[in-house]
Amino acid sequence: MFRGVSFLNLDAKGRLAIPARYRERLQSCCDSRLVITVDRDHCLLIYPEPTWIEIERKLDQLPSFNEQARMLQRLYIGHAQEVDMDGQGRVLLPPALRSFAALDKRVALVGQGKKFELWDEETWNGNCNDWLNQADLAQVESSPDIASLSI
């Protein structure tokens, strides 16, 4: 499980240094092979390759005549790129993906259980404030999927 937020710098070549606390886990679970794709919130999603393969299989099984299914396939599978973590724990972020998420120098790597989200740091901080201000707990509590959750 990946959790927590790490604020990091991209180097001049667009490489991201994965925090040391995740490197061994990524080495053992996926031989340092990751898949990066876009998200509709204009961040990047970073998956260990085996986790991505499961998701890709599910997306691929969606009905090809369903327009929403095709949109999801185009978005997530169409932008997916395989990357390898190098010996120093860095991954090179493809330029098109960096551009999509407006990643320049400072980024936020956010653990989300089986994957990471990668955000521009300023965008992440602004979104966090917005999410806190917009949180309607009454609406959240009435959601059948969340009603039984206790934190």
C-alpha atoms as a PDB file:
ATOM      1  CA  MET A   1       0.000   0.000   0.000  1.00  0.00           C
ATOM      2  CA  PHE A   2       1.239   3.442  -0.951  1.00  0.00           C
ATOM      3  CA  ARG A   3       0.130   6.275   1.301  1.00  0.00           C
ATOM      4  CA  GLY A   4       1.053   9.808   2.186  1.00  0.00           C
ATOM      5  CA  VAL A   5       2.165  12.875   0.252  1.00  0.00           C
ATOM      6  CA  SER A   6       5.757  13.562  -0.766  1.00  0.00           C
ATOM      7  CA  PHE A   7       6.755  16.938  -2.191  1.00  0.00           C
ATOM      8  CA  LEU A   8       9.567  16.456  -4.682  1.00  0.00           C
ATOM      9  CA  ASN A   9      11.523  18.166  -7.440  1.00  0.00           C
ATOM     10  CA  LEU A  10      11.721  17.006 -11.031  1.00  0.00           C
ATOM     11  CA  ASP A  11      15.239  17.284 -12.383  1.00  0.00           C
ATOM     12  CA  ALA A  12      16.146  19.148 -15.592  1.00  0.00           C
ATOM     13  CA  LYS A  13      15.512  15.996 -17.673  1.00  0.00           C
ATOM     14  CA  GLY A  14      12.027  15.484 -16.225  1.00  0.00           C
ATOM     15  CA  ARG A  15      13.001  12.630 -13.914  1.00  0.00           C
ATOM     16  CA  LEU A  16      11.169  11.919 -10.684  1.00  0.00           C
ATOM     17  CA  ALA A  17      13.086  10.372  -7.779  1.00  0.00           C
ATOM     18  CA  ILE A  18      10.758   7.864  -6.130  1.00  0.00           C
ATOM     19  CA  PRO A  19      11.032   8.233  -2.328  1.00  0.00           C
ATOM     20  CA  ALA A  20      13.329   5.624  -0.785  1.00  0.00           C
ATOM     21  CA  ARG A  21      10.535   4.174   1.366  1.00  0.00           C
ATOM     22  CA  TYR A  22       8.772   2.875  -1.809  1.00  0.00           C
ATOM     23  CA  ARG A  23      11.741   1.697  -3.866  1.00  0.00           C
ATOM     24  CA  GLU A  24      12.238  -1.743  -2.330  1.00  0.00           C
ATOM     25  CA  ARG A  25       8.512  -2.465  -2.496  1.00  0.00           C
ATOM     26  CA  LEU A  26       8.411  -1.460  -6.168  1.00  0.00           C
ATOM     27  CA  GLN A  27      11.510  -3.518  -6.894  1.00  0.00           C
ATOM     28  CA  SER A  28       9.953  -6.624  -5.360  1.00  0.00           C
ATOM     29  CA  CYS A  29       6.386  -6.248  -6.671  1.00  0.00           C
ATOM     30  CA  CYS A  30       7.099  -5.197 -10.250  1.00  0.00           C
ATOM     31  CA  ASP A  31      10.847  -5.379 -10.840  1.00  0.00           C
ATOM     32  CA  SER A  32      10.782  -1.539 -10.927  1.00  0.00           C
ATOM     33  CA  ARG A  33       8.469  -1.479 -13.977  1.00  0.00           C
ATOM     34  CA  LEU A  34       5.758   1.173 -13.737  1.00  0.00           C
ATOM     35  CA  VAL A  35       2.972   2.391 -15.999  1.00  0.00           C
ATOM     36  CA  ILE A  36       2.075   6.071 -16.068  1.00  0.00           C
ATOM     37  CA  THR A  37      -1.144   7.411 -17.549  1.00  0.00           C
ATOM     38  CA  VAL A  38      -3.323  10.495 -17.363  1.00  0.00           C
ATOM     39  CA  ASP A  39      -6.299  11.154 -15.134  1.00  0.00           C
ATOM     40  CA  ARG A  40      -9.323  13.310 -15.854  1.00  0.00           C
ATOM     41  CA  ASP A  41      -8.333  15.570 -12.940  1.00  0.00           C
ATOM     42  CA  HIS A  42      -5.176  16.557 -14.882  1.00  0.00           C
ATOM     43  CA  CYS A  43      -2.759  14.650 -12.732  1.00  0.00           C
ATOM     44  CA  LEU A  44      -0.826  11.515 -13.626  1.00  0.00           C
ATOM     45  CA  LEU A  45      -1.491   8.039 -12.288  1.00  0.00           C
ATOM     46  CA  ILE A  46       1.500   5.799 -11.604  1.00  0.00           C
ATOM     47  CA  TYR A  47       0.895   2.063 -11.242  1.00  0.00           C
ATOM     48  CA  PRO A  48       3.166  -0.906 -10.580  1.00  0.00           C
ATOM     49  CA  GLU A  49       2.985  -2.811 -13.873  1.00  0.00           C
ATOM     50  CA  PRO A  50       1.082  -5.877 -12.496  1.00  0.00           C
ATOM     51  CA  THR A  51      -1.599  -3.616 -11.000  1.00  0.00           C
ATOM     52  CA  TRP A  52      -1.911  -1.721 -14.281  1.00  0.00           C
ATOM     53  CA  ILE A  53      -2.280  -4.964 -16.257  1.00  0.00           C
ATOM     54  CA  GLU A  54      -5.358  -5.867 -14.172  1.00  0.00           C
ATOM     55  CA  ILE A  55      -6.899  -2.435 -14.779  1.00  0.00           C
ATOM     56  CA  GLU A  56      -6.069  -2.518 -18.481  1.00  0.00           C
ATOM     57  CA  ARG A  57      -7.694  -5.938 -18.785  1.00  0.00           C
ATOM     58  CA  LYS A  58     -10.900  -4.598 -17.181  1.00  0.00           C
ATOM     59  CA  LEU A  59     -10.911  -1.529 -19.438  1.00  0.00           C
ATOM     60  CA  ASP A  60     -10.303  -3.707 -22.489  1.00  0.00           C
ATOM     61  CA  GLN A  61     -13.343  -5.845 -21.627  1.00  0.00           C
ATOM     62  CA  LEU A  62     -15.721  -2.884 -21.748  1.00  0.00           C
ATOM     63  CA  PRO A  63     -18.145  -2.924 -24.698  1.00  0.00           C
ATOM     64  CA  SER A  64     -16.560  -1.273 -27.736  1.00  0.00           C
ATOM     65  CA  PHE A  65     -19.897   0.139 -28.923  1.00  0.00           C
ATOM     66  CA  ASN A  66     -20.403   2.075 -25.695  1.00  0.00           C
ATOM     67  CA  GLU A  67     -19.170   5.651 -26.198  1.00  0.00           C
ATOM     68  CA  GLN A  68     -18.274   6.191 -22.507  1.00  0.00           C
ATOM     69  CA  ALA A  69     -16.302   2.935 -22.475  1.00  0.00           C
ATOM     70  CA  ARG A  70     -14.386   3.975 -25.575  1.00  0.00           C
ATOM     71  CA  MET A  71     -13.676   7.375 -24.023  1.00  0.00           C
ATOM     72  CA  LEU A  72     -12.225   5.709 -20.914  1.00  0.00           C
ATOM     73  CA  GLN A  73     -10.129   3.340 -23.030  1.00  0.00           C
ATOM     74  CA  ARG A  74      -8.772   6.219 -25.101  1.00  0.00           C
ATOM     75  CA  LEU A  75      -7.987   8.277 -22.025  1.00  0.00           C
ATOM     76  CA  TYR A  76      -6.387   5.661 -19.797  1.00  0.00           C
ATOM     77  CA  ILE A  77      -4.993   3.010 -22.168  1.00  0.00           C
ATOM     78  CA  GLY A  78      -4.239   5.433 -24.977  1.00  0.00           C
ATOM     79  CA  HIS A  79      -1.996   7.583 -22.790  1.00  0.00           C
ATOM     80  CA  ALA A  80      -0.373   4.755 -20.804  1.00  0.00           C
ATOM     81  CA  GLN A  81       3.409   4.568 -20.997  1.00  0.00           C
ATOM     82  CA  GLU A  82       5.723   1.990 -19.473  1.00  0.00           C
ATOM     83  CA  VAL A  83       8.721   3.313 -17.569  1.00  0.00           C
ATOM     84  CA  ASP A  84      11.520   1.685 -15.590  1.00  0.00           C
ATOM     85  CA  MET A  85      12.909   2.939 -12.322  1.00  0.00           C
ATOM     86  CA  ASP A  86      16.685   3.345 -12.714  1.00  0.00           C
ATOM     87  CA  GLY A  87      19.361   2.325 -10.214  1.00  0.00           C
ATOM     88  CA  GLN A  88      18.933   5.583  -8.288  1.00  0.00           C
ATOM     89  CA  GLY A  89      15.155   5.135  -8.024  1.00  0.00           C
ATOM     90  CA  ARG A  90      14.297   7.695 -10.716  1.00  0.00           C
ATOM     91  CA  VAL A  91      11.731   7.459 -13.487  1.00  0.00           C
ATOM     92  CA  LEU A  92      11.765   9.583 -16.610  1.00  0.00           C
ATOM     93  CA  LEU A  93       8.360  11.183 -17.089  1.00  0.00           C
ATOM     94  CA  PRO A  94       7.491  11.344 -20.802  1.00  0.00           C
ATOM     95  CA  PRO A  95       7.217  14.967 -22.025  1.00  0.00           C
ATOM     96  CA  ALA A  96       3.623  14.578 -23.261  1.00  0.00           C
ATOM     97  CA  LEU A  97       2.502  13.338 -19.854  1.00  0.00           C
ATOM     98  CA  ARG A  98       4.407  16.110 -18.038  1.00  0.00           C
ATOM     99  CA  SER A  99       2.693  18.619 -20.303  1.00  0.00           C
ATOM    100  CA  PHE A 100      -0.758  17.100 -19.724  1.00  0.00           C
ATOM    101  CA  ALA A 101      -0.424  17.466 -15.939  1.00  0.00           C
ATOM    102  CA  ALA A 102       1.435  20.814 -16.163  1.00  0.00           C
ATOM    103  CA  LEU A 103       4.401  19.377 -14.264  1.00  0.00           C
ATOM    104  CA  ASP A 104       7.419  21.617 -14.200  1.00  0.00           C
ATOM    105  CA  LYS A 105       9.637  21.542 -11.120  1.00  0.00           C
ATOM    106  CA  ARG A 106       7.792  20.991  -7.824  1.00  0.00           C
ATOM    107  CA  VAL A 107       5.409  18.032  -7.658  1.00  0.00           C
ATOM    108  CA  ALA A 108       3.307  16.162  -5.109  1.00  0.00           C
ATOM    109  CA  LEU A 109       3.479  12.355  -5.203  1.00  0.00           C
ATOM    110  CA  VAL A 110       0.342  11.117  -3.451  1.00  0.00           C
ATOM    111  CA  GLY A 111       0.007   7.500  -2.337  1.00  0.00           C
ATOM    112  CA  GLN A 112      -3.414   6.097  -3.149  1.00  0.00           C
ATOM    113  CA  GLY A 113      -3.175   2.500  -1.991  1.00  0.00           C
ATOM    114  CA  LYS A 114      -2.254   0.511  -5.101  1.00  0.00           C
ATOM    115  CA  LYS A 115      -1.134   3.516  -7.139  1.00  0.00           C
ATOM    116  CA  PHE A 116       0.268   7.025  -6.922  1.00  0.00           C
ATOM    117  CA  GLU A 117      -1.121  10.293  -8.187  1.00  0.00           C
ATOM    118  CA  LEU A 118       1.415  12.849  -9.390  1.00  0.00           C
ATOM    119  CA  TRP A 119       0.347  16.490  -9.237  1.00  0.00           C
ATOM    120  CA  ASP A 120       1.885  19.862  -9.824  1.00  0.00           C
ATOM    121  CA  GLU A 121       2.537  20.970  -6.214  1.00  0.00           C
ATOM    122  CA  GLU A 122       0.652  24.260  -6.519  1.00  0.00           C
ATOM    123  CA  THR A 123      -2.344  22.557  -8.133  1.00  0.00           C
ATOM    124  CA  TRP A 124      -2.355  19.880  -5.420  1.00  0.00           C
ATOM    125  CA  ASN A 125      -2.296  22.451  -2.617  1.00  0.00           C
ATOM    126  CA  GLY A 126      -5.077  24.497  -4.230  1.00  0.00           C
ATOM    127  CA  ASN A 127      -7.212  21.410  -4.796  1.00  0.00           C
ATOM    128  CA  CYS A 128      -6.761  20.288  -1.185  1.00  0.00           C
ATOM    129  CA  ASN A 129      -8.090  23.627   0.033  1.00  0.00           C
ATOM    130  CA  ASP A 130     -11.004  23.431  -2.415  1.00  0.00           C
ATOM    131  CA  TRP A 131     -11.847  19.852  -1.397  1.00  0.00           C
ATOM    132  CA  LEU A 132     -11.872  20.797   2.277  1.00  0.00           C
ATOM    133  CA  ASN A 133     -14.104  23.801   1.605  1.00  0.00           C
ATOM    134  CA  GLN A 134     -16.466  21.867  -0.651  1.00  0.00           C
ATOM    135  CA  ALA A 135     -16.828  18.795   1.540  1.00  0.00           C
ATOM    136  CA  ASP A 136     -20.501  18.276   2.237  1.00  0.00           C
ATOM    137  CA  LEU A 137     -20.434  15.664   4.986  1.00  0.00           C
ATOM    138  CA  ALA A 138     -24.206  15.218   4.945  1.00  0.00           C
ATOM    139  CA  GLN A 139     -24.039  14.265   1.276  1.00  0.00           C
ATOM    140  CA  VAL A 140     -21.079  11.966   1.856  1.00  0.00           C
ATOM    141  CA  GLU A 141     -22.833  10.224   4.735  1.00  0.00           C
ATOM    142  CA  SER A 142     -25.946   9.624   2.613  1.00  0.00           C
ATOM    143  CA  SER A 143     -23.962   7.866  -0.115  1.00  0.00           C
ATOM    144  CA  PRO A 144     -24.729   4.130   0.133  1.00  0.00           C
ATOM    145  CA  ASP A 145     -21.148   3.215  -0.770  1.00  0.00           C
ATOM    146  CA  ILE A 146     -19.710   5.389   2.006  1.00  0.00           C
ATOM    147  CA  ALA A 147     -22.443   5.270   4.675  1.00  0.00           C
ATOM    148  CA  SER A 148     -20.960   2.241   6.424  1.00  0.00           C
ATOM    149  CA  LEU A 149     -17.418   3.625   6.451  1.00  0.00           C
ATOM    150  CA  SER A 150     -16.083   4.534   9.837  1.00  0.00           C
ATOM    151  CA  ILE A 151     -12.799   6.419  10.184  1.00  0.00           C
END
